[in-house]
Amino acid sequence: MQFDDDASLDTSEVQDVRGSRVPGGKATIGGGIGGLIVLLLGLFLGVGPDQLGLTDGGGQPAATASGLAQVEQDCRTGQDANTRDDCRMVAVVNSVQDYWDQEFTRRGASYEPSRTVFFSERVGTACGSATSAVGPFYCPGDRKVYLDLGFFGELRSKFGATGGPFAQAYVVAHEYGHHVQDLTGTLSRSQDGRTGAGSNAVRVELQADCYAGVWARHATTTKDESTGRPLITSLTDADITDGLDAAAAVGDDRIQERFQGRVTPESWTHGSAEQRQQWFRQGYESGDMARCDTFR
């Protein structure tokens, strides 16, 4: 994945609170293997930490910047995005939101932008307070995506993904898929408390994977507003392979086999590795969000 070196990045779409302190409260998780599995199955769920049992219930406000808001100072151009992980994520957010803004407009609707919050260790959200252990998530309460960039190392070391820039982009695009679901009214269908291979929770996750694939199909058509040129200049088959590999790495069956030694489909909340790849590929090959109806 390559960005136009001369593109201008819009850092207003990202809030960088790395190194900030969260006022009040602590987020906790259960101990032992049970707590670990709850944590792992929360990854990519697309809802706030309150629904993962990882909040103090206080609904703490998001941390405020502490002078370490690096992206505003350091992430200015596509060249920065080609050399730094945090700047790359700014560029991906710009691209994803430009695509969905165009798509909503084409459908006669209005897209409401969502900011991505970069944090470290702990963050407060409208969904409660959470630690980095939760992994990337979307909070419907404030319509923001939350991301500790250290997760990308864990995606390789803990989950066995091959990594690469597009694996990171897939994570962000998936979370914005949840934002699209929130805007269209689909996300709430996952919150009936049911789990299992055919549950609404799984269908919501697979649809977000499909939406990530739809964006990937159109990624090289998204524009840098300052120049009118494509923000992403190339997306290769190897990039898509990295995305598919990341999708498989966070499949319920892979996670369960790796961390509990057995697969229990009745507790799935995300879908199998094969399903996650299938729906990402469906979105990528069709390029059409209408082909992402996982509920039909």
Protein backbone atom coordinates (compact mmCIF):
# COMPACT_ATOMS: atom_id res chain seq x y z
CA MET A 1 0.00 0.00 0.00
CA GLN A 2 1.53 3.27 -1.13
CA PHE A 3 0.39 6.84 -0.54
CA ASP A 4 1.03 9.87 -2.73
CA ASP A 5 4.12 11.47 -1.17
CA ASP A 6 2.76 14.96 -1.84
CA ALA A 7 -0.71 14.35 -0.40
CA SER A 8 -1.82 16.48 2.55
CA LEU A 9 -3.11 14.53 5.55
CA ASP A 10 -6.15 15.75 7.48
CA THR A 11 -5.17 15.21 11.12
CA SER A 12 -8.46 16.72 12.34
CA GLU A 13 -10.00 13.28 11.82
CA VAL A 14 -7.69 11.84 14.50
CA GLN A 15 -7.44 12.74 18.18
CA ASP A 16 -4.04 11.82 19.61
CA VAL A 17 -4.14 11.38 23.41
CA ARG A 18 -1.19 9.04 23.77
CA GLY A 19 0.55 9.71 27.05
CA SER A 20 -2.52 11.41 28.57
CA ARG A 21 -4.07 10.52 31.89
CA VAL A 22 -7.68 9.39 32.09
CA PRO A 23 -9.54 11.17 34.93
CA GLY A 24 -11.02 8.84 37.52
CA GLY A 25 -11.95 5.16 37.47
CA LYS A 26 -10.15 2.03 36.41
CA ALA A 27 -10.97 -0.58 33.83
CA THR A 28 -10.63 -4.17 34.99
CA ILE A 29 -10.90 -7.60 33.46
CA GLY A 30 -11.47 -10.98 35.02
CA GLY A 31 -8.43 -13.02 35.98
CA GLY A 32 -7.22 -16.33 34.59
CA ILE A 33 -8.12 -17.99 31.31
CA GLY A 34 -11.77 -16.94 31.60
CA GLY A 35 -10.89 -13.26 31.69
CA LEU A 36 -8.44 -13.75 28.84
CA ILE A 37 -11.06 -15.35 26.62
CA VAL A 38 -13.59 -12.58 27.38
CA LEU A 39 -10.90 -10.10 26.43
CA LEU A 40 -9.95 -11.87 23.22
CA LEU A 41 -13.53 -12.35 22.13
CA GLY A 42 -14.06 -8.65 22.65
CA LEU A 43 -11.54 -7.80 19.96
CA PHE A 44 -13.19 -6.22 16.93
CA LEU A 45 -16.63 -6.54 18.52
CA GLY A 46 -17.32 -3.00 17.49
CA VAL A 47 -19.02 -1.92 20.68
CA GLY A 48 -17.77 -0.08 23.71
CA PRO A 49 -15.95 -1.68 26.64
CA ASP A 50 -19.06 -1.52 28.82
CA GLN A 51 -20.44 -4.47 26.88
CA LEU A 52 -17.23 -6.45 27.35
CA GLY A 53 -17.20 -6.19 31.13
CA LEU A 54 -14.12 -3.96 30.95
CA THR A 55 -15.47 -0.76 32.45
CA ASP A 56 -15.84 0.73 35.89
CA GLY A 57 -19.31 1.87 34.83
CA GLY A 58 -18.41 5.50 35.31
CA GLY A 59 -18.62 6.55 31.70
CA GLN A 60 -15.43 8.56 32.03
CA PRO A 61 -14.75 11.26 29.45
CA ALA A 62 -12.00 10.75 26.95
CA ALA A 63 -8.53 11.76 28.03
CA THR A 64 -7.36 15.18 27.01
CA ALA A 65 -4.16 15.88 25.11
CA SER A 66 -1.04 16.25 27.24
CA GLY A 67 1.33 17.85 24.78
CA LEU A 68 2.15 14.52 23.15
CA ALA A 69 -0.31 14.92 20.30
CA GLN A 70 2.25 13.77 17.78
CA VAL A 71 0.14 13.31 14.67
CA GLU A 72 -0.79 16.97 14.34
CA GLN A 73 2.88 17.93 14.31
CA ASP A 74 4.45 14.98 12.53
CA CYS A 75 1.85 13.63 10.09
CA ARG A 76 1.49 16.18 7.33
CA THR A 77 2.06 14.41 4.02
CA GLY A 78 1.69 11.10 2.25
CA GLN A 79 5.44 10.70 2.57
CA ASP A 80 4.98 10.66 6.35
CA ALA A 81 2.27 8.02 5.92
CA ASN A 82 4.69 5.88 3.92
CA THR A 83 7.25 5.89 6.74
CA ARG A 84 5.35 6.03 10.08
CA ASP A 85 2.63 3.76 11.47
CA ASP A 86 0.70 6.57 13.16
CA CYS A 87 0.77 8.74 10.05
CA ARG A 88 -0.27 5.74 7.95
CA MET A 89 -3.32 5.32 10.16
CA VAL A 90 -4.19 9.01 9.70
CA ALA A 91 -4.03 8.51 5.94
CA VAL A 92 -6.15 5.34 6.12
CA VAL A 93 -8.78 7.15 8.21
CA ASN A 94 -8.81 9.95 5.62
CA SER A 95 -9.23 7.44 2.79
CA VAL A 96 -11.91 5.34 4.48
CA GLN A 97 -13.99 8.37 5.39
CA ASP A 98 -13.61 9.94 1.97
CA TYR A 99 -14.94 6.74 0.42
CA TRP A 100 -17.93 6.43 2.76
CA ASP A 101 -18.77 10.11 2.34
CA GLN A 102 -18.86 9.58 -1.43
CA GLU A 103 -20.89 6.40 -1.11
CA PHE A 104 -23.48 7.88 1.25
CA THR A 105 -23.82 10.90 -1.05
CA ARG A 106 -24.29 8.61 -4.04
CA ARG A 107 -27.11 6.90 -2.15
CA GLY A 108 -28.77 10.20 -1.26
CA ALA A 109 -27.74 10.06 2.38
CA SER A 110 -25.41 12.09 4.60
CA TYR A 111 -22.27 10.58 6.12
CA GLU A 112 -21.36 11.73 9.62
CA PRO A 113 -17.57 11.61 10.11
CA SER A 114 -16.07 9.70 13.03
CA ARG A 115 -12.79 10.56 14.72
CA THR A 116 -10.22 7.93 15.57
CA VAL A 117 -8.62 8.30 19.01
CA PHE A 118 -5.02 7.15 19.39
CA PHE A 119 -4.39 6.23 23.02
CA SER A 120 -1.93 4.34 25.17
CA GLU A 121 -2.59 2.16 28.22
CA ARG A 122 -6.06 3.47 29.13
CA VAL A 123 -8.73 5.72 27.67
CA GLY A 124 -12.09 7.09 28.76
CA THR A 125 -15.01 6.92 26.35
CA ALA A 126 -18.75 7.47 26.32
CA CYS A 127 -18.98 3.69 26.62
CA GLY A 128 -16.84 3.62 29.76
CA SER A 129 -13.15 3.41 30.52
CA ALA A 130 -10.98 0.76 28.85
CA THR A 131 -7.39 -0.42 28.78
CA SER A 132 -5.24 -1.16 25.75
CA ALA A 133 -5.95 -4.85 26.35
CA VAL A 134 -9.40 -4.42 24.80
CA GLY A 135 -7.85 -3.94 21.37
CA PRO A 136 -9.37 -1.64 18.72
CA PHE A 137 -13.03 -0.85 19.24
CA TYR A 138 -15.83 1.44 18.13
CA CYS A 139 -17.95 3.23 20.74
CA PRO A 140 -21.51 3.97 19.57
CA GLY A 141 -21.97 6.36 22.50
CA ASP A 142 -19.60 8.95 21.07
CA ARG A 143 -19.25 7.49 17.55
CA LYS A 144 -15.47 7.26 17.75
CA VAL A 145 -12.94 4.54 16.92
CA TYR A 146 -10.37 3.83 19.63
CA LEU A 147 -6.95 2.43 18.80
CA ASP A 148 -3.73 1.72 20.68
CA LEU A 149 -1.14 1.40 17.92
CA GLY A 150 0.67 -1.23 19.98
CA PHE A 151 -2.08 -3.65 18.98
CA PHE A 152 -0.50 -4.12 15.58
CA GLY A 153 2.53 -5.77 17.17
CA GLU A 154 0.19 -8.06 19.12
CA LEU A 155 -1.64 -8.95 15.93
CA ARG A 156 1.60 -10.54 14.80
CA SER A 157 3.03 -11.84 18.08
CA LYS A 158 -0.16 -13.06 19.83
CA PHE A 159 -2.47 -13.85 16.94
CA GLY A 160 0.02 -15.06 14.35
CA ALA A 161 -0.84 -12.63 11.55
CA THR A 162 1.89 -11.89 9.02
CA GLY A 163 1.35 -8.16 9.47
CA GLY A 164 2.16 -5.48 6.93
CA PRO A 165 0.69 -2.02 6.33
CA PHE A 166 -2.55 -3.27 4.82
CA ALA A 167 -3.19 -5.59 7.76
CA GLN A 168 -3.23 -2.42 9.84
CA ALA A 169 -5.49 -0.71 7.33
CA TYR A 170 -7.91 -3.65 7.48
CA VAL A 171 -8.25 -3.19 11.25
CA VAL A 172 -9.15 0.49 10.85
CA ALA A 173 -11.49 -0.13 7.92
CA HIS A 174 -13.27 -2.85 9.91
CA GLU A 175 -13.91 -0.47 12.80
CA TYR A 176 -15.24 2.16 10.40
CA GLY A 177 -17.49 -0.57 9.05
CA HIS A 178 -19.07 -0.55 12.50
CA HIS A 179 -19.50 3.22 12.24
CA VAL A 180 -21.32 2.74 8.94
CA GLN A 181 -23.53 0.14 10.65
CA ASP A 182 -24.21 2.61 13.45
CA LEU A 183 -25.28 5.26 10.95
CA THR A 184 -27.50 2.84 9.05
CA GLY A 185 -29.05 1.26 12.16
CA THR A 186 -27.53 -2.19 11.78
CA LEU A 187 -25.08 -2.15 14.69
CA SER A 188 -27.76 -2.37 17.36
CA ARG A 189 -28.76 -5.80 16.07
CA SER A 190 -25.61 -7.24 17.67
CA GLN A 191 -26.64 -6.19 21.15
CA ASP A 192 -29.27 -8.82 21.91
CA GLY A 193 -26.82 -10.74 24.10
CA ARG A 194 -26.80 -13.87 21.94
CA THR A 195 -23.68 -15.67 20.75
CA GLY A 196 -23.01 -18.51 18.34
CA ALA A 197 -22.12 -19.08 14.71
CA GLY A 198 -25.51 -17.83 13.48
CA SER A 199 -25.96 -14.99 15.97
CA ASN A 200 -26.52 -11.36 15.10
CA ALA A 201 -23.21 -10.55 16.81
CA VAL A 202 -21.38 -12.68 14.26
CA ARG A 203 -23.42 -11.29 11.35
CA VAL A 204 -22.54 -7.72 12.38
CA GLU A 205 -18.83 -8.57 12.55
CA LEU A 206 -18.86 -10.27 9.15
CA GLN A 207 -20.67 -7.31 7.62
CA ALA A 208 -17.98 -4.97 8.98
CA ASP A 209 -15.38 -7.21 7.34
CA CYS A 210 -17.32 -6.97 4.08
CA TYR A 211 -17.47 -3.18 4.36
CA ALA A 212 -13.70 -3.15 4.89
CA GLY A 213 -13.37 -5.08 1.64
CA VAL A 214 -15.67 -2.64 -0.17
CA TRP A 215 -13.45 0.25 0.88
CA ALA A 216 -10.35 -1.69 -0.24
CA ARG A 217 -11.84 -2.10 -3.73
CA HIS A 218 -12.24 1.67 -4.01
CA ALA A 219 -9.21 2.73 -1.94
CA THR A 220 -7.19 4.01 -4.91
CA THR A 221 -10.10 6.25 -5.97
CA THR A 222 -10.20 8.21 -2.72
CA LYS A 223 -8.83 11.73 -3.07
CA ASP A 224 -6.53 14.15 -1.35
CA GLU A 225 -8.79 17.20 -1.19
CA SER A 226 -5.89 19.64 -1.53
CA THR A 227 -4.60 18.20 -4.82
CA GLY A 228 -7.54 16.21 -6.18
CA ARG A 229 -5.17 13.30 -6.82
CA PRO A 230 -5.61 9.78 -5.41
CA LEU A 231 -4.45 9.55 -1.80
CA ILE A 232 -3.55 5.86 -2.16
CA THR A 233 -1.58 5.32 -5.34
CA SER A 234 -1.27 1.55 -5.25
CA LEU A 235 -2.83 -1.46 -3.56
CA THR A 236 -1.33 -4.81 -4.57
CA ASP A 237 -2.48 -8.41 -4.42
CA ALA A 238 0.09 -8.90 -1.66
CA ASP A 239 -1.62 -6.15 0.35
CA ILE A 240 -5.00 -7.86 0.01
CA THR A 241 -3.40 -11.14 1.07
CA ASP A 242 -2.13 -9.42 4.22
CA GLY A 243 -5.64 -8.17 4.91
CA LEU A 244 -7.13 -11.63 4.44
CA ASP A 245 -4.47 -13.09 6.72
CA ALA A 246 -5.29 -10.57 9.45
CA ALA A 247 -9.02 -11.33 9.10
CA ALA A 248 -8.34 -15.04 9.54
CA ALA A 249 -6.04 -14.47 12.52
CA VAL A 250 -8.91 -12.96 14.52
CA GLY A 251 -11.48 -15.59 13.59
CA ASP A 252 -13.21 -17.09 16.62
CA ASP A 253 -12.00 -20.60 15.85
CA ARG A 254 -8.37 -19.49 15.53
CA ILE A 255 -8.52 -17.49 18.76
CA GLN A 256 -10.20 -20.28 20.69
CA GLU A 257 -7.84 -22.96 19.42
CA ARG A 258 -4.81 -20.81 20.24
CA PHE A 259 -5.86 -19.69 23.71
CA GLN A 260 -8.18 -22.37 25.09
CA GLY A 261 -7.18 -25.41 23.05
CA ARG A 262 -10.65 -26.17 21.71
CA VAL A 263 -13.25 -24.59 19.45
CA THR A 264 -16.70 -23.80 20.86
CA PRO A 265 -18.92 -22.40 18.07
CA GLU A 266 -21.79 -21.74 20.48
CA SER A 267 -19.76 -18.90 22.04
CA TRP A 268 -18.68 -17.23 18.77
CA THR A 269 -19.17 -13.49 18.44
CA HIS A 270 -17.07 -12.77 15.34
CA GLY A 271 -17.19 -15.68 12.94
CA SER A 272 -14.65 -18.25 11.85
CA ALA A 273 -11.41 -17.47 10.08
CA GLU A 274 -12.92 -18.79 6.85
CA GLN A 275 -16.06 -16.67 7.23
CA ARG A 276 -14.12 -13.51 7.95
CA GLN A 277 -11.98 -14.02 4.88
CA GLN A 278 -15.03 -14.90 2.80
CA TRP A 279 -16.88 -11.71 3.67
CA PHE A 280 -13.85 -9.45 3.29
CA ARG A 281 -13.32 -11.02 -0.14
CA GLN A 282 -17.03 -10.58 -0.95
CA GLY A 283 -16.75 -6.85 -0.29
CA TYR A 284 -13.48 -6.52 -2.17
CA GLU A 285 -14.57 -8.43 -5.26
CA SER A 286 -18.01 -6.79 -5.51
CA GLY A 287 -17.11 -3.28 -4.37
CA ASP A 288 -20.77 -2.93 -3.41
CA MET A 289 -22.05 -2.49 0.15
CA ALA A 290 -25.39 -3.93 -0.96
CA ARG A 291 -23.60 -7.27 -1.37
CA CYS A 292 -22.72 -7.22 2.34
CA ASP A 293 -26.10 -8.31 3.67
CA THR A 294 -24.97 -10.94 6.16
CA PHE A 295 -28.45 -11.05 7.70
CA ARG A 296 -30.22 -12.41 4.63
